[in-house]
Amino acid sequence: MFFHNIIINFEIRLSLYNIFLKHLPRMVEKAFVLINTNDQTDDNILLDELKKIDGISEAYRVCGIYDILVKVEAQTMDKVSKVVNHRLKNLKNIKSTLTMVAIRNS
């Protein structure tokens, strides 16, 4: 009975701890990617594809020398890198990219 009470007490504390952790702000790594598309590409179709990729939080058509601006967010910079280098750059109709990593203020 004694061990049973200890286990129940531990499980209650663990549950409360997990609830507490869910409400803490999490640090998120960010990068912004400027994209040049092929001339025959419909940018709206590509935007829809980009928005479906896990890790891409925002995507916009832009005016200027680039066609699309994408915001990539993930828990670690390694995950941001995987989104950019493996998911985004492997899409058809992307001619070139320029990636800018956001630096946190300390």
PDB file of N, CA and C in Angstrom:
ATOM      1  N   MET A   1       0.828  -1.190   0.000  1.00  0.00           N
ATOM      2  CA  MET A   1       0.000   0.000   0.000  1.00  0.00           C
ATOM      3  C   MET A   1       0.876   1.258   0.000  1.00  0.00           C
ATOM      4  N   PHE A   2       1.976   1.211   0.734  1.00  0.00           N
ATOM      5  CA  PHE A   2       2.877   2.353   0.831  1.00  0.00           C
ATOM      6  C   PHE A   2       3.434   2.724  -0.554  1.00  0.00           C
ATOM      7  N   PHE A   3       3.919   1.714  -1.307  1.00  0.00           N
ATOM      8  CA  PHE A   3       4.469   1.961  -2.642  1.00  0.00           C
ATOM      9  C   PHE A   3       3.394   2.432  -3.608  1.00  0.00           C
ATOM     10  N   HIS A   4       2.197   1.931  -3.440  1.00  0.00           N
ATOM     11  CA  HIS A   4       1.076   2.352  -4.282  1.00  0.00           C
ATOM     12  C   HIS A   4       0.830   3.853  -4.104  1.00  0.00           C
ATOM     13  N   ASN A   5       0.855   4.343  -2.864  1.00  0.00           N
ATOM     14  CA  ASN A   5       0.660   5.773  -2.601  1.00  0.00           C
ATOM     15  C   ASN A   5       1.799   6.615  -3.172  1.00  0.00           C
ATOM     16  N   ILE A   6       3.003   6.095  -3.097  1.00  0.00           N
ATOM     17  CA  ILE A   6       4.152   6.816  -3.651  1.00  0.00           C
ATOM     18  C   ILE A   6       4.011   6.930  -5.172  1.00  0.00           C
ATOM     19  N   ILE A   7       3.617   5.862  -5.816  1.00  0.00           N
ATOM     20  CA  ILE A   7       3.457   5.869  -7.269  1.00  0.00           C
ATOM     21  C   ILE A   7       2.349   6.840  -7.680  1.00  0.00           C
ATOM     22  N   ILE A   8       1.226   6.830  -6.990  1.00  0.00           N
ATOM     23  CA  ILE A   8       0.130   7.742  -7.300  1.00  0.00           C
ATOM     24  C   ILE A   8       0.568   9.187  -7.095  1.00  0.00           C
ATOM     25  N   ASN A   9       1.271   9.457  -5.998  1.00  0.00           N
ATOM     26  CA  ASN A   9       1.777  10.803  -5.731  1.00  0.00           C
ATOM     27  C   ASN A   9       2.723  11.245  -6.849  1.00  0.00           C
ATOM     28  N   PHE A  10       3.604  10.360  -7.291  1.00  0.00           N
ATOM     29  CA  PHE A  10       4.534  10.658  -8.371  1.00  0.00           C
ATOM     30  C   PHE A  10       3.781  10.954  -9.668  1.00  0.00           C
ATOM     31  N   GLU A  11       2.774  10.157  -9.984  1.00  0.00           N
ATOM     32  CA  GLU A  11       2.004  10.360 -11.210  1.00  0.00           C
ATOM     33  C   GLU A  11       1.262  11.692 -11.189  1.00  0.00           C
ATOM     34  N   ILE A  12       0.744  12.086 -10.051  1.00  0.00           N
ATOM     35  CA  ILE A  12       0.058  13.373  -9.935  1.00  0.00           C
ATOM     36  C   ILE A  12       1.043  14.513 -10.158  1.00  0.00           C
ATOM     37  N   ARG A  13       2.213  14.429  -9.530  1.00  0.00           N
ATOM     38  CA  ARG A  13       3.222  15.474  -9.699  1.00  0.00           C
ATOM     39  C   ARG A  13       3.702  15.552 -11.148  1.00  0.00           C
ATOM     40  N   LEU A  14       3.886  14.408 -11.774  1.00  0.00           N
ATOM     41  CA  LEU A  14       4.315  14.380 -13.169  1.00  0.00           C
ATOM     42  C   LEU A  14       3.262  15.004 -14.072  1.00  0.00           C
ATOM     43  N   SER A  15       1.998  14.723 -13.831  1.00  0.00           N
ATOM     44  CA  SER A  15       0.915  15.316 -14.618  1.00  0.00           C
ATOM     45  C   SER A  15       0.890  16.829 -14.464  1.00  0.00           C
ATOM     46  N   LEU A  16       1.028  17.312 -13.244  1.00  0.00           N
ATOM     47  CA  LEU A  16       1.045  18.759 -13.007  1.00  0.00           C
ATOM     48  C   LEU A  16       2.247  19.410 -13.679  1.00  0.00           C
ATOM     49  N   TYR A  17       3.382  18.747 -13.630  1.00  0.00           N
ATOM     50  CA  TYR A  17       4.592  19.261 -14.275  1.00  0.00           C
ATOM     51  C   TYR A  17       4.390  19.362 -15.789  1.00  0.00           C
ATOM     52  N   ASN A  18       3.797  18.332 -16.395  1.00  0.00           N
ATOM     53  CA  ASN A  18       3.551  18.352 -17.840  1.00  0.00           C
ATOM     54  C   ASN A  18       2.571  19.452 -18.223  1.00  0.00           C
ATOM     55  N   ILE A  19       1.558  19.668 -17.409  1.00  0.00           N
ATOM     56  CA  ILE A  19       0.609  20.757 -17.666  1.00  0.00           C
ATOM     57  C   ILE A  19       1.334  22.103 -17.592  1.00  0.00           C
ATOM     58  N   PHE A  20       2.199  22.256 -16.609  1.00  0.00           N
ATOM     59  CA  PHE A  20       2.976  23.483 -16.456  1.00  0.00           C
ATOM     60  C   PHE A  20       3.869  23.716 -17.673  1.00  0.00           C
ATOM     61  N   LEU A  21       4.532  22.677 -18.165  1.00  0.00           N
ATOM     62  CA  LEU A  21       5.439  22.810 -19.311  1.00  0.00           C
ATOM     63  C   LEU A  21       4.717  23.241 -20.572  1.00  0.00           C
ATOM     64  N   LYS A  22       3.476  22.785 -20.752  1.00  0.00           N
ATOM     65  CA  LYS A  22       2.732  23.132 -21.960  1.00  0.00           C
ATOM     66  C   LYS A  22       2.466  24.625 -22.053  1.00  0.00           C
ATOM     67  N   HIS A  23       2.435  25.325 -20.932  1.00  0.00           N
ATOM     68  CA  HIS A  23       2.111  26.745 -20.935  1.00  0.00           C
ATOM     69  C   HIS A  23       3.339  27.647 -20.931  1.00  0.00           C
ATOM     70  N   LEU A  24       4.523  27.071 -20.867  1.00  0.00           N
ATOM     71  CA  LEU A  24       5.736  27.876 -20.934  1.00  0.00           C
ATOM     72  C   LEU A  24       5.989  28.301 -22.375  1.00  0.00           C
ATOM     73  N   PRO A  25       6.472  29.519 -22.585  1.00  0.00           N
ATOM     74  CA  PRO A  25       6.815  29.915 -23.951  1.00  0.00           C
ATOM     75  C   PRO A  25       8.015  29.112 -24.439  1.00  0.00           C
ATOM     76  N   ARG A  26       7.946  28.650 -25.644  1.00  0.00           N
ATOM     77  CA  ARG A  26       9.039  27.859 -26.219  1.00  0.00           C
ATOM     78  C   ARG A  26       9.835  28.725 -27.172  1.00  0.00           C
ATOM     79  N   MET A  27      11.128  28.546 -27.141  1.00  0.00           N
ATOM     80  CA  MET A  27      11.982  29.269 -28.070  1.00  0.00           C
ATOM     81  C   MET A  27      11.841  28.636 -29.442  1.00  0.00           C
ATOM     82  N   VAL A  28      11.681  29.471 -30.429  1.00  0.00           N
ATOM     83  CA  VAL A  28      11.508  28.994 -31.793  1.00  0.00           C
ATOM     84  C   VAL A  28      12.597  29.614 -32.654  1.00  0.00           C
ATOM     85  N   GLU A  29      13.238  28.790 -33.440  1.00  0.00           N
ATOM     86  CA  GLU A  29      14.239  29.267 -34.389  1.00  0.00           C
ATOM     87  C   GLU A  29      13.521  29.676 -35.669  1.00  0.00           C
ATOM     88  N   LYS A  30      14.006  30.745 -36.316  1.00  0.00           N
ATOM     89  CA  LYS A  30      13.342  31.268 -37.509  1.00  0.00           C
ATOM     90  C   LYS A  30      14.346  31.543 -38.610  1.00  0.00           C
ATOM     91  N   ALA A  31      13.879  31.390 -39.832  1.00  0.00           N
ATOM     92  CA  ALA A  31      14.647  31.791 -41.006  1.00  0.00           C
ATOM     93  C   ALA A  31      13.663  32.320 -42.042  1.00  0.00           C
ATOM     94  N   PHE A  32      14.142  33.250 -42.846  1.00  0.00           N
ATOM     95  CA  PHE A  32      13.346  33.796 -43.933  1.00  0.00           C
ATOM     96  C   PHE A  32      14.025  33.410 -45.234  1.00  0.00           C
ATOM     97  N   VAL A  33      13.232  32.926 -46.173  1.00  0.00           N
ATOM     98  CA  VAL A  33      13.788  32.452 -47.435  1.00  0.00           C
ATOM     99  C   VAL A  33      13.153  33.226 -48.581  1.00  0.00           C
ATOM    100  N   LEU A  34      14.005  33.862 -49.396  1.00  0.00           N
ATOM    101  CA  LEU A  34      13.552  34.513 -50.616  1.00  0.00           C
ATOM    102  C   LEU A  34      13.701  33.512 -51.751  1.00  0.00           C
ATOM    103  N   ILE A  35      12.683  33.402 -52.585  1.00  0.00           N
ATOM    104  CA  ILE A  35      12.649  32.372 -53.620  1.00  0.00           C
ATOM    105  C   ILE A  35      12.468  33.003 -54.991  1.00  0.00           C
ATOM    106  N   ASN A  36      13.296  32.576 -55.949  1.00  0.00           N
ATOM    107  CA  ASN A  36      13.086  32.875 -57.367  1.00  0.00           C
ATOM    108  C   ASN A  36      12.471  31.645 -58.012  1.00  0.00           C
ATOM    109  N   THR A  37      11.401  31.844 -58.747  1.00  0.00           N
ATOM    110  CA  THR A  37      10.742  30.721 -59.417  1.00  0.00           C
ATOM    111  C   THR A  37      11.059  30.740 -60.906  1.00  0.00           C
ATOM    112  N   ASN A  38      10.818  29.599 -61.549  1.00  0.00           N
ATOM    113  CA  ASN A  38      10.960  29.538 -62.997  1.00  0.00           C
ATOM    114  C   ASN A  38       9.928  30.452 -63.635  1.00  0.00           C
ATOM    115  N   ASP A  39      10.234  30.950 -64.834  1.00  0.00           N
ATOM    116  CA  ASP A  39       9.355  31.925 -65.491  1.00  0.00           C
ATOM    117  C   ASP A  39       7.957  31.382 -65.766  1.00  0.00           C
ATOM    118  N   GLN A  40       7.831  30.114 -66.056  1.00  0.00           N
ATOM    119  CA  GLN A  40       6.531  29.537 -66.399  1.00  0.00           C
ATOM    120  C   GLN A  40       5.729  29.081 -65.174  1.00  0.00           C
ATOM    121  N   THR A  41       6.250  29.330 -63.985  1.00  0.00           N
ATOM    122  CA  THR A  41       5.607  28.859 -62.761  1.00  0.00           C
ATOM    123  C   THR A  41       4.445  29.758 -62.363  1.00  0.00           C
ATOM    124  N   ASP A  42       3.327  29.127 -61.989  1.00  0.00           N
ATOM    125  CA  ASP A  42       2.219  29.860 -61.384  1.00  0.00           C
ATOM    126  C   ASP A  42       2.539  29.993 -59.893  1.00  0.00           C
ATOM    127  N   ASP A  43       2.866  31.209 -59.466  1.00  0.00           N
ATOM    128  CA  ASP A  43       3.300  31.439 -58.087  1.00  0.00           C
ATOM    129  C   ASP A  43       2.219  31.086 -57.074  1.00  0.00           C
ATOM    130  N   ASN A  44       0.966  31.229 -57.429  1.00  0.00           N
ATOM    131  CA  ASN A  44      -0.116  30.903 -56.493  1.00  0.00           C
ATOM    132  C   ASN A  44      -0.163  29.406 -56.193  1.00  0.00           C
ATOM    133  N   ILE A  45       0.078  28.579 -57.206  1.00  0.00           N
ATOM    134  CA  ILE A  45       0.108  27.125 -56.991  1.00  0.00           C
ATOM    135  C   ILE A  45       1.294  26.757 -56.103  1.00  0.00           C
ATOM    136  N   LEU A  46       2.448  27.373 -56.374  1.00  0.00           N
ATOM    137  CA  LEU A  46       3.630  27.107 -55.558  1.00  0.00           C
ATOM    138  C   LEU A  46       3.409  27.586 -54.112  1.00  0.00           C
ATOM    139  N   LEU A  47       2.756  28.729 -53.937  1.00  0.00           N
ATOM    140  CA  LEU A  47       2.443  29.214 -52.595  1.00  0.00           C
ATOM    141  C   LEU A  47       1.600  28.204 -51.831  1.00  0.00           C
ATOM    142  N   ASP A  48       0.610  27.625 -52.485  1.00  0.00           N
ATOM    143  CA  ASP A  48      -0.227  26.616 -51.832  1.00  0.00           C
ATOM    144  C   ASP A  48       0.594  25.404 -51.418  1.00  0.00           C
ATOM    145  N   GLU A  49       1.525  24.979 -52.280  1.00  0.00           N
ATOM    146  CA  GLU A  49       2.398  23.847 -51.936  1.00  0.00           C
ATOM    147  C   GLU A  49       3.282  24.191 -50.737  1.00  0.00           C
ATOM    148  N   LEU A  50       3.830  25.397 -50.734  1.00  0.00           N
ATOM    149  CA  LEU A  50       4.727  25.815 -49.653  1.00  0.00           C
ATOM    150  C   LEU A  50       4.001  25.861 -48.319  1.00  0.00           C
ATOM    151  N   LYS A  51       2.776  26.362 -48.313  1.00  0.00           N
ATOM    152  CA  LYS A  51       2.022  26.490 -47.068  1.00  0.00           C
ATOM    153  C   LYS A  51       1.663  25.143 -46.455  1.00  0.00           C
ATOM    154  N   LYS A  52       1.704  24.072 -47.243  1.00  0.00           N
ATOM    155  CA  LYS A  52       1.405  22.729 -46.746  1.00  0.00           C
ATOM    156  C   LYS A  52       2.612  22.065 -46.077  1.00  0.00           C
ATOM    157  N   ILE A  53       3.795  22.634 -46.262  1.00  0.00           N
ATOM    158  CA  ILE A  53       5.014  22.039 -45.703  1.00  0.00           C
ATOM    159  C   ILE A  53       5.090  22.341 -44.214  1.00  0.00           C
ATOM    160  N   ASP A  54       5.277  21.303 -43.420  1.00  0.00           N
ATOM    161  CA  ASP A  54       5.414  21.460 -41.976  1.00  0.00           C
ATOM    162  C   ASP A  54       6.694  22.238 -41.676  1.00  0.00           C
ATOM    163  N   GLY A  55       6.563  23.321 -40.953  1.00  0.00           N
ATOM    164  CA  GLY A  55       7.711  24.164 -40.633  1.00  0.00           C
ATOM    165  C   GLY A  55       7.644  25.514 -41.320  1.00  0.00           C
ATOM    166  N   ILE A  56       6.870  25.608 -42.385  1.00  0.00           N
ATOM    167  CA  ILE A  56       6.682  26.898 -43.052  1.00  0.00           C
ATOM    168  C   ILE A  56       5.441  27.540 -42.454  1.00  0.00           C
ATOM    169  N   SER A  57       5.660  28.649 -41.734  1.00  0.00           N
ATOM    170  CA  SER A  57       4.550  29.284 -41.033  1.00  0.00           C
ATOM    171  C   SER A  57       3.869  30.364 -41.866  1.00  0.00           C
ATOM    172  N   GLU A  58       4.603  30.961 -42.794  1.00  0.00           N
ATOM    173  CA  GLU A  58       4.034  32.008 -43.633  1.00  0.00           C
ATOM    174  C   GLU A  58       4.686  31.977 -45.003  1.00  0.00           C
ATOM    175  N   ALA A  59       3.928  32.374 -46.028  1.00  0.00           N
ATOM    176  CA  ALA A  59       4.459  32.459 -47.388  1.00  0.00           C
ATOM    177  C   ALA A  59       3.708  33.560 -48.134  1.00  0.00           C
ATOM    178  N   TYR A  60       4.470  34.415 -48.837  1.00  0.00           N
ATOM    179  CA  TYR A  60       3.884  35.565 -49.527  1.00  0.00           C
ATOM    180  C   TYR A  60       4.493  35.731 -50.915  1.00  0.00           C
ATOM    181  N   ARG A  61       3.698  36.213 -51.868  1.00  0.00           N
ATOM    182  CA  ARG A  61       4.239  36.692 -53.129  1.00  0.00           C
ATOM    183  C   ARG A  61       4.786  38.079 -52.857  1.00  0.00           C
ATOM    184  N   VAL A  62       5.925  38.407 -53.456  1.00  0.00           N
ATOM    185  CA  VAL A  62       6.528  39.717 -53.249  1.00  0.00           C
ATOM    186  C   VAL A  62       6.935  40.322 -54.585  1.00  0.00           C
ATOM    187  N   CYS A  63       7.091  41.630 -54.595  1.00  0.00           N
ATOM    188  CA  CYS A  63       7.563  42.343 -55.784  1.00  0.00           C
ATOM    189  C   CYS A  63       9.052  42.583 -55.650  1.00  0.00           C
ATOM    190  N   GLY A  64       9.734  42.619 -56.764  1.00  0.00           N
ATOM    191  CA  GLY A  64      11.182  42.865 -56.753  1.00  0.00           C
ATOM    192  C   GLY A  64      11.903  41.744 -57.472  1.00  0.00           C
ATOM    193  N   ILE A  65      13.161  41.531 -57.102  1.00  0.00           N
ATOM    194  CA  ILE A  65      13.944  40.520 -57.805  1.00  0.00           C
ATOM    195  C   ILE A  65      13.616  39.101 -57.358  1.00  0.00           C
ATOM    196  N   TYR A  66      12.882  38.961 -56.249  1.00  0.00           N
ATOM    197  CA  TYR A  66      12.435  37.652 -55.798  1.00  0.00           C
ATOM    198  C   TYR A  66      10.927  37.557 -55.971  1.00  0.00           C
ATOM    199  N   ASP A  67      10.422  36.331 -56.050  1.00  0.00           N
ATOM    200  CA  ASP A  67       9.001  36.110 -56.304  1.00  0.00           C
ATOM    201  C   ASP A  67       8.212  35.771 -55.046  1.00  0.00           C
ATOM    202  N   ILE A  68       8.850  35.066 -54.114  1.00  0.00           N
ATOM    203  CA  ILE A  68       8.149  34.569 -52.921  1.00  0.00           C
ATOM    204  C   ILE A  68       9.040  34.757 -51.694  1.00  0.00           C
ATOM    205  N   LEU A  69       8.405  35.091 -50.573  1.00  0.00           N
ATOM    206  CA  LEU A  69       9.072  35.164 -49.275  1.00  0.00           C
ATOM    207  C   LEU A  69       8.427  34.148 -48.354  1.00  0.00           C
ATOM    208  N   VAL A  70       9.252  33.322 -47.704  1.00  0.00           N
ATOM    209  CA  VAL A  70       8.760  32.263 -46.822  1.00  0.00           C
ATOM    210  C   VAL A  70       9.378  32.433 -45.440  1.00  0.00           C
ATOM    211  N   LYS A  71       8.568  32.225 -44.416  1.00  0.00           N
ATOM    212  CA  LYS A  71       9.062  32.219 -43.038  1.00  0.00           C
ATOM    213  C   LYS A  71       9.053  30.779 -42.550  1.00  0.00           C
ATOM    214  N   VAL A  72      10.213  30.289 -42.128  1.00  0.00           N
ATOM    215  CA  VAL A  72      10.364  28.926 -41.627  1.00  0.00           C
ATOM    216  C   VAL A  72      10.573  28.999 -40.115  1.00  0.00           C
ATOM    217  N   GLU A  73       9.816  28.193 -39.369  1.00  0.00           N
ATOM    218  CA  GLU A  73       9.949  28.154 -37.916  1.00  0.00           C
ATOM    219  C   GLU A  73      10.014  26.698 -37.452  1.00  0.00           C
ATOM    220  N   ALA A  74      10.925  26.441 -36.508  1.00  0.00           N
ATOM    221  CA  ALA A  74      11.049  25.105 -35.918  1.00  0.00           C
ATOM    222  C   ALA A  74      11.701  25.235 -34.553  1.00  0.00           C
ATOM    223  N   GLN A  75      11.659  24.153 -33.785  1.00  0.00           N
ATOM    224  CA  GLN A  75      12.205  24.166 -32.423  1.00  0.00           C
ATOM    225  C   GLN A  75      13.721  24.271 -32.393  1.00  0.00           C
ATOM    226  N   THR A  76      14.397  23.756 -33.403  1.00  0.00           N
ATOM    227  CA  THR A  76      15.858  23.816 -33.449  1.00  0.00           C
ATOM    228  C   THR A  76      16.305  24.312 -34.816  1.00  0.00           C
ATOM    229  N   MET A  77      17.518  24.843 -34.870  1.00  0.00           N
ATOM    230  CA  MET A  77      18.057  25.304 -36.138  1.00  0.00           C
ATOM    231  C   MET A  77      18.296  24.128 -37.081  1.00  0.00           C
ATOM    232  N   ASP A  78      18.570  22.960 -36.535  1.00  0.00           N
ATOM    233  CA  ASP A  78      18.735  21.765 -37.363  1.00  0.00           C
ATOM    234  C   ASP A  78      17.435  21.448 -38.111  1.00  0.00           C
ATOM    235  N   LYS A  79      16.298  21.582 -37.429  1.00  0.00           N
ATOM    236  CA  LYS A  79      15.007  21.335 -38.086  1.00  0.00           C
ATOM    237  C   LYS A  79      14.697  22.405 -39.119  1.00  0.00           C
ATOM    238  N   VAL A  80      15.068  23.653 -38.831  1.00  0.00           N
ATOM    239  CA  VAL A  80      14.892  24.724 -39.822  1.00  0.00           C
ATOM    240  C   VAL A  80      15.706  24.390 -41.064  1.00  0.00           C
ATOM    241  N   SER A  81      16.939  23.968 -40.854  1.00  0.00           N
ATOM    242  CA  SER A  81      17.820  23.610 -41.961  1.00  0.00           C
ATOM    243  C   SER A  81      17.246  22.472 -42.800  1.00  0.00           C
ATOM    244  N   LYS A  82      16.662  21.478 -42.149  1.00  0.00           N
ATOM    245  CA  LYS A  82      16.073  20.358 -42.886  1.00  0.00           C
ATOM    246  C   LYS A  82      14.891  20.805 -43.738  1.00  0.00           C
ATOM    247  N   VAL A  83      14.079  21.720 -43.206  1.00  0.00           N
ATOM    248  CA  VAL A  83      12.949  22.234 -43.988  1.00  0.00           C
ATOM    249  C   VAL A  83      13.467  22.959 -45.227  1.00  0.00           C
ATOM    250  N   VAL A  84      14.472  23.806 -45.038  1.00  0.00           N
ATOM    251  CA  VAL A  84      14.993  24.597 -46.155  1.00  0.00           C
ATOM    252  C   VAL A  84      15.727  23.720 -47.163  1.00  0.00           C
ATOM    253  N   ASN A  85      16.642  22.891 -46.673  1.00  0.00           N
ATOM    254  CA  ASN A  85      17.515  22.147 -47.584  1.00  0.00           C
ATOM    255  C   ASN A  85      16.896  20.891 -48.178  1.00  0.00           C
ATOM    256  N   HIS A  86      15.943  20.283 -47.511  1.00  0.00           N
ATOM    257  CA  HIS A  86      15.392  19.027 -48.008  1.00  0.00           C
ATOM    258  C   HIS A  86      13.973  19.172 -48.549  1.00  0.00           C
ATOM    259  N   ARG A  87      13.154  19.940 -47.875  1.00  0.00           N
ATOM    260  CA  ARG A  87      11.752  20.056 -48.298  1.00  0.00           C
ATOM    261  C   ARG A  87      11.558  21.169 -49.326  1.00  0.00           C
ATOM    262  N   LEU A  88      12.067  22.343 -49.013  1.00  0.00           N
ATOM    263  CA  LEU A  88      11.809  23.509 -49.840  1.00  0.00           C
ATOM    264  C   LEU A  88      12.597  23.479 -51.143  1.00  0.00           C
ATOM    265  N   LYS A  89      13.878  23.211 -51.061  1.00  0.00           N
ATOM    266  CA  LYS A  89      14.718  23.258 -52.266  1.00  0.00           C
ATOM    267  C   LYS A  89      14.468  22.106 -53.226  1.00  0.00           C
ATOM    268  N   ASN A  90      13.768  21.070 -52.792  1.00  0.00           N
ATOM    269  CA  ASN A  90      13.460  19.954 -53.684  1.00  0.00           C
ATOM    270  C   ASN A  90      12.159  20.143 -54.455  1.00  0.00           C
ATOM    271  N   LEU A  91      11.456  21.230 -54.198  1.00  0.00           N
ATOM    272  CA  LEU A  91      10.224  21.481 -54.941  1.00  0.00           C
ATOM    273  C   LEU A  91      10.548  21.860 -56.383  1.00  0.00           C
ATOM    274  N   LYS A  92       9.689  21.407 -57.282  1.00  0.00           N
ATOM    275  CA  LYS A  92       9.854  21.793 -58.681  1.00  0.00           C
ATOM    276  C   LYS A  92       9.572  23.280 -58.807  1.00  0.00           C
ATOM    277  N   ASN A  93      10.091  23.881 -59.837  1.00  0.00           N
ATOM    278  CA  ASN A  93       9.836  25.271 -60.216  1.00  0.00           C
ATOM    279  C   ASN A  93      10.522  26.301 -59.332  1.00  0.00           C
ATOM    280  N   ILE A  94      11.391  25.872 -58.413  1.00  0.00           N
ATOM    281  CA  ILE A  94      12.187  26.830 -57.653  1.00  0.00           C
ATOM    282  C   ILE A  94      13.561  26.920 -58.320  1.00  0.00           C
ATOM    283  N   LYS A  95      13.865  28.120 -58.817  1.00  0.00           N
ATOM    284  CA  LYS A  95      15.123  28.321 -59.524  1.00  0.00           C
ATOM    285  C   LYS A  95      16.274  28.574 -58.549  1.00  0.00           C
ATOM    286  N   SER A  96      16.044  29.448 -57.566  1.00  0.00           N
ATOM    287  CA  SER A  96      17.092  29.748 -56.592  1.00  0.00           C
ATOM    288  C   SER A  96      16.467  30.270 -55.304  1.00  0.00           C
ATOM    289  N   THR A  97      17.275  30.238 -54.230  1.00  0.00           N
ATOM    290  CA  THR A  97      16.801  30.727 -52.931  1.00  0.00           C
ATOM    291  C   THR A  97      17.907  31.520 -52.250  1.00  0.00           C
ATOM    292  N   LEU A  98      17.487  32.380 -51.346  1.00  0.00           N
ATOM    293  CA  LEU A  98      18.402  33.100 -50.467  1.00  0.00           C
ATOM    294  C   LEU A  98      17.837  32.980 -49.064  1.00  0.00           C
ATOM    295  N   THR A  99      18.588  32.345 -48.165  1.00  0.00           N
ATOM    296  CA  THR A  99      18.104  32.094 -46.803  1.00  0.00           C
ATOM    297  C   THR A  99      18.784  33.044 -45.831  1.00  0.00           C
ATOM    298  N   MET A 100      17.975  33.660 -44.969  1.00  0.00           N
ATOM    299  CA  MET A 100      18.463  34.544 -43.916  1.00  0.00           C
ATOM    300  C   MET A 100      17.974  34.006 -42.586  1.00  0.00           C
ATOM    301  N   VAL A 101      18.899  33.705 -41.703  1.00  0.00           N
ATOM    302  CA  VAL A 101      18.576  33.166 -40.390  1.00  0.00           C
ATOM    303  C   VAL A 101      18.359  34.317 -39.416  1.00  0.00           C
ATOM    304  N   ALA A 102      17.253  34.279 -38.687  1.00  0.00           N
ATOM    305  CA  ALA A 102      16.977  35.305 -37.685  1.00  0.00           C
ATOM    306  C   ALA A 102      17.825  35.043 -36.448  1.00  0.00           C
ATOM    307  N   ILE A 103      18.429  36.110 -35.908  1.00  0.00           N
ATOM    308  CA  ILE A 103      19.256  36.000 -34.712  1.00  0.00           C
ATOM    309  C   ILE A 103      18.480  36.578 -33.551  1.00  0.00           C
ATOM    310  N   ARG A 104      18.413  35.810 -32.459  1.00  0.00           N
ATOM    311  CA  ARG A 104      17.685  36.265 -31.270  1.00  0.00           C
ATOM    312  C   ARG A 104      18.433  37.382 -30.582  1.00  0.00           C
ATOM    313  N   ASN A 105      17.678  38.345 -30.068  1.00  0.00           N
ATOM    314  CA  ASN A 105      18.282  39.388 -29.222  1.00  0.00           C
ATOM    315  C   ASN A 105      18.534  38.794 -27.854  1.00  0.00           C
ATOM    316  N   SER A 106      19.690  39.123 -27.251  1.00  0.00           N
ATOM    317  CA  SER A 106      19.968  38.586 -25.924  1.00  0.00           C
ATOM    318  C   SER A 106      19.769  39.635 -24.860  1.00  0.00           C
TER     319      SER A 106
END
